Amino acid sequence: MRPKVVESFARTLRAGQWQVDAVLEQEALLCLRPSAEEPVYGFAVDLGTTTVDVSLHNLETGRLLARKALLNRQTAFGADVISRTHSFQEKGEEVRAAALETIEECALLLEAEAG
């Protein structure tokens, strides 16, 4: 582990008076947080050829809170996976940024919708 990660764990343990929740994804530790905090939320993302489908979940209960699909901005780099792959070879960072912008827009809309 990196030193900054270990430092953040120490701060979190002290803040939570040694009572913390570990947030895991399968066997990977995502974060530690004081036990008295709000529920943990997360996004599931389906990056499709045409659309990006994002859903917001309460990760403690598994409850779906909101879901949104938007046109994948990567379509500007080709209508199909093959042409988009060629675009990625030439303009990889732009193609990647287009996907991330779409995901971010969905996430912000879901946060506003779910409160």
PDB file of N, CA and C in Angstrom:
ATOM      1  N   MET A   1       0.834  -1.188   0.000  1.00  0.00           N
ATOM      2  CA  MET A   1       0.000   0.000   0.000  1.00  0.00           C
ATOM      3  C   MET A   1       0.873   1.243   0.000  1.00  0.00           C
ATOM      4  N   ARG A   2       0.356   2.285  -0.599  1.00  0.00           N
ATOM      5  CA  ARG A   2       1.073   3.557  -0.627  1.00  0.00           C
ATOM      6  C   ARG A   2       0.968   4.254   0.724  1.00  0.00           C
ATOM      7  N   PRO A   3       2.001   5.011   1.102  1.00  0.00           N
ATOM      8  CA  PRO A   3       1.986   5.696   2.414  1.00  0.00           C
ATOM      9  C   PRO A   3       0.779   6.598   2.624  1.00  0.00           C
ATOM     10  N   LYS A   4       0.330   7.319   1.587  1.00  0.00           N
ATOM     11  CA  LYS A   4      -0.818   8.213   1.765  1.00  0.00           C
ATOM     12  C   LYS A   4      -2.084   7.433   2.092  1.00  0.00           C
ATOM     13  N   VAL A   5      -2.210   6.235   1.515  1.00  0.00           N
ATOM     14  CA  VAL A   5      -3.377   5.399   1.798  1.00  0.00           C
ATOM     15  C   VAL A   5      -3.356   4.961   3.258  1.00  0.00           C
ATOM     16  N   VAL A   6      -2.196   4.531   3.725  1.00  0.00           N
ATOM     17  CA  VAL A   6      -2.065   4.109   5.120  1.00  0.00           C
ATOM     18  C   VAL A   6      -2.358   5.277   6.061  1.00  0.00           C
ATOM     19  N   GLU A   7      -1.872   6.470   5.725  1.00  0.00           N
ATOM     20  CA  GLU A   7      -2.152   7.660   6.541  1.00  0.00           C
ATOM     21  C   GLU A   7      -3.643   7.935   6.607  1.00  0.00           C
ATOM     22  N   SER A   8      -4.333   7.805   5.460  1.00  0.00           N
ATOM     23  CA  SER A   8      -5.773   8.073   5.461  1.00  0.00           C
ATOM     24  C   SER A   8      -6.512   7.042   6.306  1.00  0.00           C
ATOM     25  N   PHE A   9      -6.056   5.797   6.296  1.00  0.00           N
ATOM     26  CA  PHE A   9      -6.672   4.779   7.140  1.00  0.00           C
ATOM     27  C   PHE A   9      -6.505   5.142   8.611  1.00  0.00           C
ATOM     28  N   ALA A  10      -5.320   5.582   8.991  1.00  0.00           N
ATOM     29  CA  ALA A  10      -5.066   5.956  10.382  1.00  0.00           C
ATOM     30  C   ALA A  10      -5.978   7.097  10.813  1.00  0.00           C
ATOM     31  N   ARG A  11      -6.129   8.118   9.963  1.00  0.00           N
ATOM     32  CA  ARG A  11      -7.019   9.243  10.282  1.00  0.00           C
ATOM     33  C   ARG A  11      -8.464   8.762  10.430  1.00  0.00           C
ATOM     34  N   THR A  12      -8.889   7.900   9.531  1.00  0.00           N
ATOM     35  CA  THR A  12     -10.256   7.397   9.571  1.00  0.00           C
ATOM     36  C   THR A  12     -10.497   6.570  10.823  1.00  0.00           C
ATOM     37  N   LEU A  13      -9.550   5.729  11.188  1.00  0.00           N
ATOM     38  CA  LEU A  13      -9.683   4.922  12.408  1.00  0.00           C
ATOM     39  C   LEU A  13      -9.809   5.804  13.646  1.00  0.00           C
ATOM     40  N   ARG A  14      -8.988   6.839  13.701  1.00  0.00           N
ATOM     41  CA  ARG A  14      -9.068   7.753  14.851  1.00  0.00           C
ATOM     42  C   ARG A  14     -10.396   8.510  14.853  1.00  0.00           C
ATOM     43  N   ALA A  15     -10.815   8.998  13.690  1.00  0.00           N
ATOM     44  CA  ALA A  15     -12.073   9.759  13.591  1.00  0.00           C
ATOM     45  C   ALA A  15     -13.269   8.905  13.994  1.00  0.00           C
ATOM     46  N   GLY A  16     -13.213   7.637  13.666  1.00  0.00           N
ATOM     47  CA  GLY A  16     -14.306   6.733  14.015  1.00  0.00           C
ATOM     48  C   GLY A  16     -14.137   6.059  15.354  1.00  0.00           C
ATOM     49  N   GLN A  17     -13.141   6.537  16.135  1.00  0.00           N
ATOM     50  CA  GLN A  17     -12.837   5.963  17.451  1.00  0.00           C
ATOM     51  C   GLN A  17     -12.701   4.443  17.350  1.00  0.00           C
ATOM     52  N   TRP A  18     -11.996   4.004  16.332  1.00  0.00           N
ATOM     53  CA  TRP A  18     -11.664   2.607  16.061  1.00  0.00           C
ATOM     54  C   TRP A  18     -12.862   1.766  15.665  1.00  0.00           C
ATOM     55  N   GLN A  19     -14.002   2.426  15.384  1.00  0.00           N
ATOM     56  CA  GLN A  19     -15.185   1.736  14.885  1.00  0.00           C
ATOM     57  C   GLN A  19     -15.401   2.197  13.452  1.00  0.00           C
ATOM     58  N   VAL A  20     -15.025   1.377  12.486  1.00  0.00           N
ATOM     59  CA  VAL A  20     -15.116   1.768  11.086  1.00  0.00           C
ATOM     60  C   VAL A  20     -15.811   0.687  10.271  1.00  0.00           C
ATOM     61  N   ASP A  21     -16.325   1.105   9.126  1.00  0.00           N
ATOM     62  CA  ASP A  21     -16.875   0.175   8.144  1.00  0.00           C
ATOM     63  C   ASP A  21     -15.871   0.057   7.010  1.00  0.00           C
ATOM     64  N   ALA A  22     -15.675  -1.138   6.531  1.00  0.00           N
ATOM     65  CA  ALA A  22     -14.825  -1.375   5.359  1.00  0.00           C
ATOM     66  C   ALA A  22     -15.740  -1.546   4.160  1.00  0.00           C
ATOM     67  N   VAL A  23     -15.496  -0.773   3.120  1.00  0.00           N
ATOM     68  CA  VAL A  23     -16.264  -0.872   1.892  1.00  0.00           C
ATOM     69  C   VAL A  23     -15.455  -1.728   0.926  1.00  0.00           C
ATOM     70  N   LEU A  24     -16.046  -2.859   0.520  1.00  0.00           N
ATOM     71  CA  LEU A  24     -15.350  -3.819  -0.322  1.00  0.00           C
ATOM     72  C   LEU A  24     -16.059  -4.011  -1.649  1.00  0.00           C
ATOM     73  N   GLU A  25     -15.292  -4.343  -2.653  1.00  0.00           N
ATOM     74  CA  GLU A  25     -15.839  -4.826  -3.915  1.00  0.00           C
ATOM     75  C   GLU A  25     -15.194  -6.180  -4.126  1.00  0.00           C
ATOM     76  N   GLN A  26     -15.976  -7.217  -3.945  1.00  0.00           N
ATOM     77  CA  GLN A  26     -15.465  -8.585  -3.888  1.00  0.00           C
ATOM     78  C   GLN A  26     -14.379  -8.627  -2.818  1.00  0.00           C
ATOM     79  N   GLU A  27     -13.130  -8.831  -3.167  1.00  0.00           N
ATOM     80  CA  GLU A  27     -12.074  -8.909  -2.153  1.00  0.00           C
ATOM     81  C   GLU A  27     -11.236  -7.634  -2.071  1.00  0.00           C
ATOM     82  N   ALA A  28     -11.533  -6.632  -2.888  1.00  0.00           N
ATOM     83  CA  ALA A  28     -10.745  -5.400  -2.916  1.00  0.00           C
ATOM     84  C   ALA A  28     -11.314  -4.381  -1.925  1.00  0.00           C
ATOM     85  N   LEU A  29     -10.454  -3.841  -1.080  1.00  0.00           N
ATOM     86  CA  LEU A  29     -10.846  -2.801  -0.139  1.00  0.00           C
ATOM     87  C   LEU A  29     -10.904  -1.468  -0.872  1.00  0.00           C
ATOM     88  N   LEU A  30     -12.094  -0.853  -0.902  1.00  0.00           N
ATOM     89  CA  LEU A  30     -12.268   0.436  -1.571  1.00  0.00           C
ATOM     90  C   LEU A  30     -11.989   1.595  -0.638  1.00  0.00           C
ATOM     91  N   CYS A  31     -12.492   1.496   0.600  1.00  0.00           N
ATOM     92  CA  CYS A  31     -12.249   2.560   1.566  1.00  0.00           C
ATOM     93  C   CYS A  31     -12.663   2.110   2.960  1.00  0.00           C
ATOM     94  N   LEU A  32     -12.201   2.873   3.932  1.00  0.00           N
ATOM     95  CA  LEU A  32     -12.662   2.751   5.309  1.00  0.00           C
ATOM     96  C   LEU A  32     -13.409   4.027   5.636  1.00  0.00           C
ATOM     97  N   ARG A  33     -14.423   3.925   6.491  1.00  0.00           N
ATOM     98  CA  ARG A  33     -15.164   5.116   6.902  1.00  0.00           C
ATOM     99  C   ARG A  33     -15.697   4.908   8.308  1.00  0.00           C
ATOM    100  N   PRO A  34     -15.818   6.008   9.072  1.00  0.00           N
ATOM    101  CA  PRO A  34     -16.394   5.875  10.417  1.00  0.00           C
ATOM    102  C   PRO A  34     -17.778   5.240  10.343  1.00  0.00           C
ATOM    103  N   SER A  35     -18.104   4.384  11.280  1.00  0.00           N
ATOM    104  CA  SER A  35     -19.348   3.600  11.238  1.00  0.00           C
ATOM    105  C   SER A  35     -20.619   4.429  11.250  1.00  0.00           C
ATOM    106  N   ALA A  36     -20.601   5.616  11.819  1.00  0.00           N
ATOM    107  CA  ALA A  36     -21.821   6.406  11.972  1.00  0.00           C
ATOM    108  C   ALA A  36     -22.184   7.221  10.734  1.00  0.00           C
ATOM    109  N   GLU A  37     -21.445   7.089   9.663  1.00  0.00           N
ATOM    110  CA  GLU A  37     -21.702   7.910   8.476  1.00  0.00           C
ATOM    111  C   GLU A  37     -22.939   7.445   7.716  1.00  0.00           C
ATOM    112  N   GLU A  38     -23.290   8.224   6.699  1.00  0.00           N
ATOM    113  CA  GLU A  38     -24.420   7.922   5.821  1.00  0.00           C
ATOM    114  C   GLU A  38     -24.178   6.615   5.065  1.00  0.00           C
ATOM    115  N   PRO A  39     -25.225   6.083   4.449  1.00  0.00           N
ATOM    116  CA  PRO A  39     -25.065   4.868   3.648  1.00  0.00           C
ATOM    117  C   PRO A  39     -24.054   5.076   2.518  1.00  0.00           C
ATOM    118  N   VAL A  40     -23.542   3.983   2.006  1.00  0.00           N
ATOM    119  CA  VAL A  40     -22.592   4.027   0.893  1.00  0.00           C
ATOM    120  C   VAL A  40     -23.379   3.891  -0.400  1.00  0.00           C
ATOM    121  N   TYR A  41     -23.108   4.774  -1.327  1.00  0.00           N
ATOM    122  CA  TYR A  41     -23.770   4.749  -2.623  1.00  0.00           C
ATOM    123  C   TYR A  41     -22.746   4.453  -3.705  1.00  0.00           C
ATOM    124  N   GLY A  42     -23.218   3.885  -4.806  1.00  0.00           N
ATOM    125  CA  GLY A  42     -22.318   3.593  -5.913  1.00  0.00           C
ATOM    126  C   GLY A  42     -23.068   3.598  -7.229  1.00  0.00           C
ATOM    127  N   PHE A  43     -22.303   3.733  -8.286  1.00  0.00           N
ATOM    128  CA  PHE A  43     -22.860   3.738  -9.637  1.00  0.00           C
ATOM    129  C   PHE A  43     -22.491   2.448 -10.356  1.00  0.00           C
ATOM    130  N   ALA A  44     -23.418   1.927 -11.123  1.00  0.00           N
ATOM    131  CA  ALA A  44     -23.135   0.839 -12.061  1.00  0.00           C
ATOM    132  C   ALA A  44     -23.218   1.464 -13.449  1.00  0.00           C
ATOM    133  N   VAL A  45     -22.238   1.171 -14.295  1.00  0.00           N
ATOM    134  CA  VAL A  45     -22.164   1.798 -15.616  1.00  0.00           C
ATOM    135  C   VAL A  45     -22.121   0.725 -16.699  1.00  0.00           C
ATOM    136  N   ASP A  46     -23.020   0.853 -17.683  1.00  0.00           N
ATOM    137  CA  ASP A  46     -22.998   0.007 -18.868  1.00  0.00           C
ATOM    138  C   ASP A  46     -22.660   0.922 -20.034  1.00  0.00           C
ATOM    139  N   LEU A  47     -21.419   0.839 -20.497  1.00  0.00           N
ATOM    140  CA  LEU A  47     -20.950   1.672 -21.608  1.00  0.00           C
ATOM    141  C   LEU A  47     -21.230   0.928 -22.897  1.00  0.00           C
ATOM    142  N   GLY A  48     -22.365   1.241 -23.490  1.00  0.00           N
ATOM    143  CA  GLY A  48     -22.767   0.572 -24.723  1.00  0.00           C
ATOM    144  C   GLY A  48     -22.329   1.343 -25.959  1.00  0.00           C
ATOM    145  N   THR A  49     -22.489   0.728 -27.095  1.00  0.00           N
ATOM    146  CA  THR A  49     -22.098   1.346 -28.354  1.00  0.00           C
ATOM    147  C   THR A  49     -22.890   2.619 -28.624  1.00  0.00           C
ATOM    148  N   THR A  50     -24.184   2.575 -28.340  1.00  0.00           N
ATOM    149  CA  THR A  50     -25.058   3.714 -28.622  1.00  0.00           C
ATOM    150  C   THR A  50     -25.368   4.535 -27.385  1.00  0.00           C
ATOM    151  N   THR A  51     -25.627   3.855 -26.276  1.00  0.00           N
ATOM    152  CA  THR A  51     -26.010   4.564 -25.057  1.00  0.00           C
ATOM    153  C   THR A  51     -25.111   4.191 -23.886  1.00  0.00           C
ATOM    154  N   VAL A  52     -25.125   5.080 -22.897  1.00  0.00           N
ATOM    155  CA  VAL A  52     -24.472   4.817 -21.615  1.00  0.00           C
ATOM    156  C   VAL A  52     -25.591   4.764 -20.592  1.00  0.00           C
ATOM    157  N   ASP A  53     -25.703   3.631 -19.925  1.00  0.00           N
ATOM    158  CA  ASP A  53     -26.750   3.400 -18.941  1.00  0.00           C
ATOM    159  C   ASP A  53     -26.089   3.390 -17.563  1.00  0.00           C
ATOM    160  N   VAL A  54     -26.506   4.315 -16.699  1.00  0.00           N
ATOM    161  CA  VAL A  54     -25.912   4.435 -15.372  1.00  0.00           C
ATOM    162  C   VAL A  54     -27.020   4.307 -14.330  1.00  0.00           C
ATOM    163  N   SER A  55     -26.752   3.536 -13.299  1.00  0.00           N
ATOM    164  CA  SER A  55     -27.724   3.405 -12.213  1.00  0.00           C
ATOM    165  C   SER A  55     -27.033   3.707 -10.890  1.00  0.00           C
ATOM    166  N   LEU A  56     -27.791   4.306  -9.985  1.00  0.00           N
ATOM    167  CA  LEU A  56     -27.313   4.674  -8.652  1.00  0.00           C
ATOM    168  C   LEU A  56     -27.927   3.710  -7.647  1.00  0.00           C
ATOM    169  N   HIS A  57     -27.070   3.124  -6.795  1.00  0.00           N
ATOM    170  CA  HIS A  57     -27.522   2.114  -5.840  1.00  0.00           C
ATOM    171  C   HIS A  57     -27.069   2.449  -4.428  1.00  0.00           C
ATOM    172  N   ASN A  58     -27.877   2.059  -3.459  1.00  0.00           N
ATOM    173  CA  ASN A  58     -27.438   2.025  -2.068  1.00  0.00           C
ATOM    174  C   ASN A  58     -26.667   0.718  -1.951  1.00  0.00           C
ATOM    175  N   LEU A  59     -25.370   0.799  -1.716  1.00  0.00           N
ATOM    176  CA  LEU A  59     -24.535  -0.395  -1.724  1.00  0.00           C
ATOM    177  C   LEU A  59     -24.700  -1.244  -0.475  1.00  0.00           C
ATOM    178  N   GLU A  60     -25.319  -0.695   0.558  1.00  0.00           N
ATOM    179  CA  GLU A  60     -25.551  -1.487   1.765  1.00  0.00           C
ATOM    180  C   GLU A  60     -26.784  -2.364   1.625  1.00  0.00           C
ATOM    181  N   THR A  61     -27.810  -1.852   0.944  1.00  0.00           N
ATOM    182  CA  THR A  61     -29.057  -2.608   0.793  1.00  0.00           C
ATOM    183  C   THR A  61     -29.207  -3.207  -0.598  1.00  0.00           C
ATOM    184  N   GLY A  62     -28.447  -2.691  -1.556  1.00  0.00           N
ATOM    185  CA  GLY A  62     -28.573  -3.137  -2.937  1.00  0.00           C
ATOM    186  C   GLY A  62     -29.719  -2.459  -3.670  1.00  0.00           C
ATOM    187  N   ARG A  63     -30.416  -1.567  -2.998  1.00  0.00           N
ATOM    188  CA  ARG A  63     -31.595  -0.897  -3.577  1.00  0.00           C
ATOM    189  C   ARG A  63     -31.215   0.038  -4.725  1.00  0.00           C
ATOM    190  N   LEU A  64     -31.923  -0.077  -5.833  1.00  0.00           N
ATOM    191  CA  LEU A  64     -31.765   0.832  -6.963  1.00  0.00           C
ATOM    192  C   LEU A  64     -32.462   2.143  -6.625  1.00  0.00           C
ATOM    193  N   LEU A  65     -31.734   3.252  -6.692  1.00  0.00           N
ATOM    194  CA  LEU A  65     -32.302   4.554  -6.343  1.00  0.00           C
ATOM    195  C   LEU A  65     -32.728   5.349  -7.573  1.00  0.00           C
ATOM    196  N   ALA A  66     -31.967   5.218  -8.651  1.00  0.00           N
ATOM    197  CA  ALA A  66     -32.296   5.951  -9.873  1.00  0.00           C
ATOM    198  C   ALA A  66     -31.501   5.353 -11.029  1.00  0.00           C
ATOM    199  N   ARG A  67     -32.004   5.582 -12.231  1.00  0.00           N
ATOM    200  CA  ARG A  67     -31.335   5.047 -13.428  1.00  0.00           C
ATOM    201  C   ARG A  67     -31.535   6.019 -14.585  1.00  0.00           C
ATOM    202  N   LYS A  68     -30.508   6.169 -15.415  1.00  0.00           N
ATOM    203  CA  LYS A  68     -30.567   7.103 -16.543  1.00  0.00           C
ATOM    204  C   LYS A  68     -29.731   6.543 -17.679  1.00  0.00           C
ATOM    205  N   ALA A  69     -30.200   6.748 -18.908  1.00  0.00           N
ATOM    206  CA  ALA A  69     -29.436   6.375 -20.102  1.00  0.00           C
ATOM    207  C   ALA A  69     -29.335   7.597 -21.001  1.00  0.00           C
ATOM    208  N   LEU A  70     -28.138   7.845 -21.502  1.00  0.00           N
ATOM    209  CA  LEU A  70     -27.893   8.953 -22.411  1.00  0.00           C
ATOM    210  C   LEU A  70     -27.167   8.444 -23.649  1.00  0.00           C
ATOM    211  N   LEU A  71     -27.259   9.201 -24.719  1.00  0.00           N
ATOM    212  CA  LEU A  71     -26.519   8.873 -25.935  1.00  0.00           C
ATOM    213  C   LEU A  71     -25.025   8.907 -25.625  1.00  0.00           C
ATOM    214  N   ASN A  72     -24.305   7.867 -26.002  1.00  0.00           N
ATOM    215  CA  ASN A  72     -22.870   7.779 -25.796  1.00  0.00           C
ATOM    216  C   ASN A  72     -22.179   8.805 -26.695  1.00  0.00           C
ATOM    217  N   ARG A  73     -21.464   9.751 -26.100  1.00  0.00           N
ATOM    218  CA  ARG A  73     -20.777  10.790 -26.869  1.00  0.00           C
ATOM    219  C   ARG A  73     -19.671  10.232 -27.754  1.00  0.00           C
ATOM    220  N   GLN A  74     -19.308   8.984 -27.544  1.00  0.00           N
ATOM    221  CA  GLN A  74     -18.309   8.363 -28.410  1.00  0.00           C
ATOM    222  C   GLN A  74     -18.847   8.136 -29.819  1.00  0.00           C
ATOM    223  N   THR A  75     -20.158   8.240 -30.007  1.00  0.00           N
ATOM    224  CA  THR A  75     -20.718   8.051 -31.345  1.00  0.00           C
ATOM    225  C   THR A  75     -20.166   9.074 -32.332  1.00  0.00           C
ATOM    226  N   ALA A  76     -19.664  10.192 -31.830  1.00  0.00           N
ATOM    227  CA  ALA A  76     -19.046  11.196 -32.699  1.00  0.00           C
ATOM    228  C   ALA A  76     -17.772  10.659 -33.360  1.00  0.00           C
ATOM    229  N   PHE A  77     -17.224   9.568 -32.830  1.00  0.00           N
ATOM    230  CA  PHE A  77     -15.994   8.990 -33.352  1.00  0.00           C
ATOM    231  C   PHE A  77     -16.254   7.739 -34.177  1.00  0.00           C
ATOM    232  N   GLY A  78     -17.519   7.462 -34.471  1.00  0.00           N
ATOM    233  CA  GLY A  78     -17.893   6.309 -35.284  1.00  0.00           C
ATOM    234  C   GLY A  78     -19.151   5.674 -34.755  1.00  0.00           C
ATOM    235  N   ALA A  79     -19.996   5.213 -35.671  1.00  0.00           N
ATOM    236  CA  ALA A  79     -21.288   4.646 -35.293  1.00  0.00           C
ATOM    237  C   ALA A  79     -21.185   3.217 -34.778  1.00  0.00           C
ATOM    238  N   ASP A  80     -20.095   2.531 -35.099  1.00  0.00           N
ATOM    239  CA  ASP A  80     -19.960   1.143 -34.677  1.00  0.00           C
ATOM    240  C   ASP A  80     -18.631   0.933 -33.951  1.00  0.00           C
ATOM    241  N   VAL A  81     -18.492  -0.218 -33.333  1.00  0.00           N
ATOM    242  CA  VAL A  81     -17.309  -0.515 -32.531  1.00  0.00           C
ATOM    243  C   VAL A  81     -16.037  -0.525 -33.384  1.00  0.00           C
ATOM    244  N   ILE A  82     -16.114  -1.045 -34.591  1.00  0.00           N
ATOM    245  CA  ILE A  82     -14.921  -1.138 -35.450  1.00  0.00           C
ATOM    246  C   ILE A  82     -14.387   0.254 -35.789  1.00  0.00           C
ATOM    247  N   SER A  83     -15.252   1.147 -36.257  1.00  0.00           N
ATOM    248  CA  SER A  83     -14.782   2.494 -36.613  1.00  0.00           C
ATOM    249  C   SER A  83     -14.331   3.266 -35.370  1.00  0.00           C
ATOM    250  N   ARG A  84     -14.977   3.010 -34.256  1.00  0.00           N
ATOM    251  CA  ARG A  84     -14.582   3.674 -33.016  1.00  0.00           C
ATOM    252  C   ARG A  84     -13.212   3.177 -32.542  1.00  0.00           C
ATOM    253  N   THR A  85     -12.945   1.914 -32.755  1.00  0.00           N
ATOM    254  CA  THR A  85     -11.640   1.350 -32.403  1.00  0.00           C
ATOM    255  C   THR A  85     -10.542   2.005 -33.219  1.00  0.00           C
ATOM    256  N   HIS A  86     -10.803   2.220 -34.503  1.00  0.00           N
ATOM    257  CA  HIS A  86      -9.826   2.923 -35.349  1.00  0.00           C
ATOM    258  C   HIS A  86      -9.627   4.358 -34.860  1.00  0.00           C
ATOM    259  N   SER A  87     -10.700   5.021 -34.494  1.00  0.00           N
ATOM    260  CA  SER A  87     -10.599   6.384 -33.962  1.00  0.00           C
ATOM    261  C   SER A  87      -9.785   6.404 -32.680  1.00  0.00           C
ATOM    262  N   PHE A  88      -9.972   5.379 -31.848  1.00  0.00           N
ATOM    263  CA  PHE A  88      -9.258   5.319 -30.581  1.00  0.00           C
ATOM    264  C   PHE A  88      -7.747   5.220 -30.801  1.00  0.00           C
ATOM    265  N   GLN A  89      -7.339   4.530 -31.852  1.00  0.00           N
ATOM    266  CA  GLN A  89      -5.913   4.406 -32.142  1.00  0.00           C
ATOM    267  C   GLN A  89      -5.296   5.763 -32.469  1.00  0.00           C
ATOM    268  N   GLU A  90      -6.072   6.655 -33.072  1.00  0.00           N
ATOM    269  CA  GLU A  90      -5.573   7.981 -33.455  1.00  0.00           C
ATOM    270  C   GLU A  90      -5.866   9.045 -32.397  1.00  0.00           C
ATOM    271  N   LYS A  91      -7.012   8.952 -31.769  1.00  0.00           N
ATOM    272  CA  LYS A  91      -7.474   9.988 -30.834  1.00  0.00           C
ATOM    273  C   LYS A  91      -7.938   9.364 -29.535  1.00  0.00           C
ATOM    274  N   GLY A  92      -7.113   8.505 -28.979  1.00  0.00           N
ATOM    275  CA  GLY A  92      -7.506   7.730 -27.804  1.00  0.00           C
ATOM    276  C   GLY A  92      -8.016   8.556 -26.643  1.00  0.00           C
ATOM    277  N   GLU A  93      -7.311   9.619 -26.315  1.00  0.00           N
ATOM    278  CA  GLU A  93      -7.712  10.430 -25.162  1.00  0.00           C
ATOM    279  C   GLU A  93      -9.042  11.140 -25.406  1.00  0.00           C
ATOM    280  N   GLU A  94      -9.298  11.570 -26.623  1.00  0.00           N
ATOM    281  CA  GLU A  94     -10.568  12.232 -26.937  1.00  0.00           C
ATOM    282  C   GLU A  94     -11.740  11.251 -26.852  1.00  0.00           C
ATOM    283  N   VAL A  95     -11.533  10.034 -27.355  1.00  0.00           N
ATOM    284  CA  VAL A  95     -12.587   9.015 -27.309  1.00  0.00           C
ATOM    285  C   VAL A  95     -12.884   8.649 -25.854  1.00  0.00           C
ATOM    286  N   ARG A  96     -11.837   8.489 -25.078  1.00  0.00           N
ATOM    287  CA  ARG A  96     -11.985   8.176 -23.647  1.00  0.00           C
ATOM    288  C   ARG A  96     -12.714   9.313 -22.930  1.00  0.00           C
ATOM    289  N   ALA A  97     -12.318  10.552 -23.209  1.00  0.00           N
ATOM    290  CA  ALA A  97     -12.941  11.716 -22.569  1.00  0.00           C
ATOM    291  C   ALA A  97     -14.434  11.793 -22.899  1.00  0.00           C
ATOM    292  N   ALA A  98     -14.797  11.442 -24.127  1.00  0.00           N
ATOM    293  CA  ALA A  98     -16.208  11.476 -24.521  1.00  0.00           C
ATOM    294  C   ALA A  98     -17.034  10.509 -23.664  1.00  0.00           C
ATOM    295  N   ALA A  99     -16.490   9.325 -23.425  1.00  0.00           N
ATOM    296  CA  ALA A  99     -17.199   8.350 -22.585  1.00  0.00           C
ATOM    297  C   ALA A  99     -17.307   8.868 -21.157  1.00  0.00           C
ATOM    298  N   LEU A 100     -16.212   9.392 -20.615  1.00  0.00           N
ATOM    299  CA  LEU A 100     -16.223   9.887 -19.236  1.00  0.00           C
ATOM    300  C   LEU A 100     -17.170  11.068 -19.060  1.00  0.00           C
ATOM    301  N   GLU A 101     -17.265  11.932 -20.057  1.00  0.00           N
ATOM    302  CA  GLU A 101     -18.196  13.065 -19.990  1.00  0.00           C
ATOM    303  C   GLU A 101     -19.637  12.575 -19.933  1.00  0.00           C
ATOM    304  N   THR A 102     -19.950  11.545 -20.719  1.00  0.00           N
ATOM    305  CA  THR A 102     -21.304  10.994 -20.710  1.00  0.00           C
ATOM    306  C   THR A 102     -21.622  10.364 -19.360  1.00  0.00           C
ATOM    307  N   ILE A 103     -20.671   9.600 -18.828  1.00  0.00           N
ATOM    308  CA  ILE A 103     -20.862   8.966 -17.522  1.00  0.00           C
ATOM    309  C   ILE A 103     -21.051  10.028 -16.439  1.00  0.00           C
ATOM    310  N   GLU A 104     -20.221  11.078 -16.471  1.00  0.00           N
ATOM    311  CA  GLU A 104     -20.329  12.140 -15.471  1.00  0.00           C
ATOM    312  C   GLU A 104     -21.683  12.847 -15.555  1.00  0.00           C
ATOM    313  N   GLU A 105     -22.137  13.136 -16.773  1.00  0.00           N
ATOM    314  CA  GLU A 105     -23.437  13.791 -16.926  1.00  0.00           C
ATOM    315  C   GLU A 105     -24.548  12.924 -16.338  1.00  0.00           C
ATOM    316  N   CYS A 106     -24.511  11.632 -16.631  1.00  0.00           N
ATOM    317  CA  CYS A 106     -25.510  10.716 -16.058  1.00  0.00           C
ATOM    318  C   CYS A 106     -25.441  10.721 -14.537  1.00  0.00           C
ATOM    319  N   ALA A 107     -24.243  10.638 -13.996  1.00  0.00           N
ATOM    320  CA  ALA A 107     -24.070  10.586 -12.541  1.00  0.00           C
ATOM    321  C   ALA A 107     -24.627  11.841 -11.878  1.00  0.00           C
ATOM    322  N   LEU A 108     -24.349  12.994 -12.447  1.00  0.00           N
ATOM    323  CA  LEU A 108     -24.854  14.247 -11.873  1.00  0.00           C
ATOM    324  C   LEU A 108     -26.375  14.318 -11.929  1.00  0.00           C
ATOM    325  N   LEU A 109     -26.959  13.851 -13.040  1.00  0.00           N
ATOM    326  CA  LEU A 109     -28.421  13.836 -13.141  1.00  0.00           C
ATOM    327  C   LEU A 109     -29.025  12.887 -12.112  1.00  0.00           C
ATOM    328  N   LEU A 110     -28.394  11.736 -11.915  1.00  0.00           N
ATOM    329  CA  LEU A 110     -28.901  10.769 -10.934  1.00  0.00           C
ATOM    330  C   LEU A 110     -28.793  11.284  -9.517  1.00  0.00           C
ATOM    331  N   GLU A 111     -27.688  11.939  -9.210  1.00  0.00           N
ATOM    332  CA  GLU A 111     -27.523  12.507  -7.862  1.00  0.00           C
ATOM    333  C   GLU A 111     -28.608  13.534  -7.592  1.00  0.00           C
ATOM    334  N   ALA A 112     -28.884  14.380  -8.574  1.00  0.00           N
ATOM    335  CA  ALA A 112     -29.929  15.400  -8.406  1.00  0.00           C
ATOM    336  C   ALA A 112     -31.298  14.740  -8.248  1.00  0.00           C
ATOM    337  N   GLU A 113     -31.564  13.713  -9.046  1.00  0.00           N
ATOM    338  CA  GLU A 113     -32.853  13.030  -8.990  1.00  0.00           C
ATOM    339  C   GLU A 113     -33.068  12.302  -7.669  1.00  0.00           C
ATOM    340  N   ALA A 114     -32.021  11.660  -7.173  1.00  0.00           N
ATOM    341  CA  ALA A 114     -32.143  10.865  -5.950  1.00  0.00           C
ATOM    342  C   ALA A 114     -31.996  11.687  -4.671  1.00  0.00           C
ATOM    343  N   GLY A 115     -31.475  12.907  -4.837  1.00  0.00           N
ATOM    344  CA  GLY A 115     -31.299  13.769  -3.656  1.00  0.00           C
ATOM    345  C   GLY A 115     -30.140  13.340  -2.815  1.00  0.00           C
TER     346      GLY A 115
END
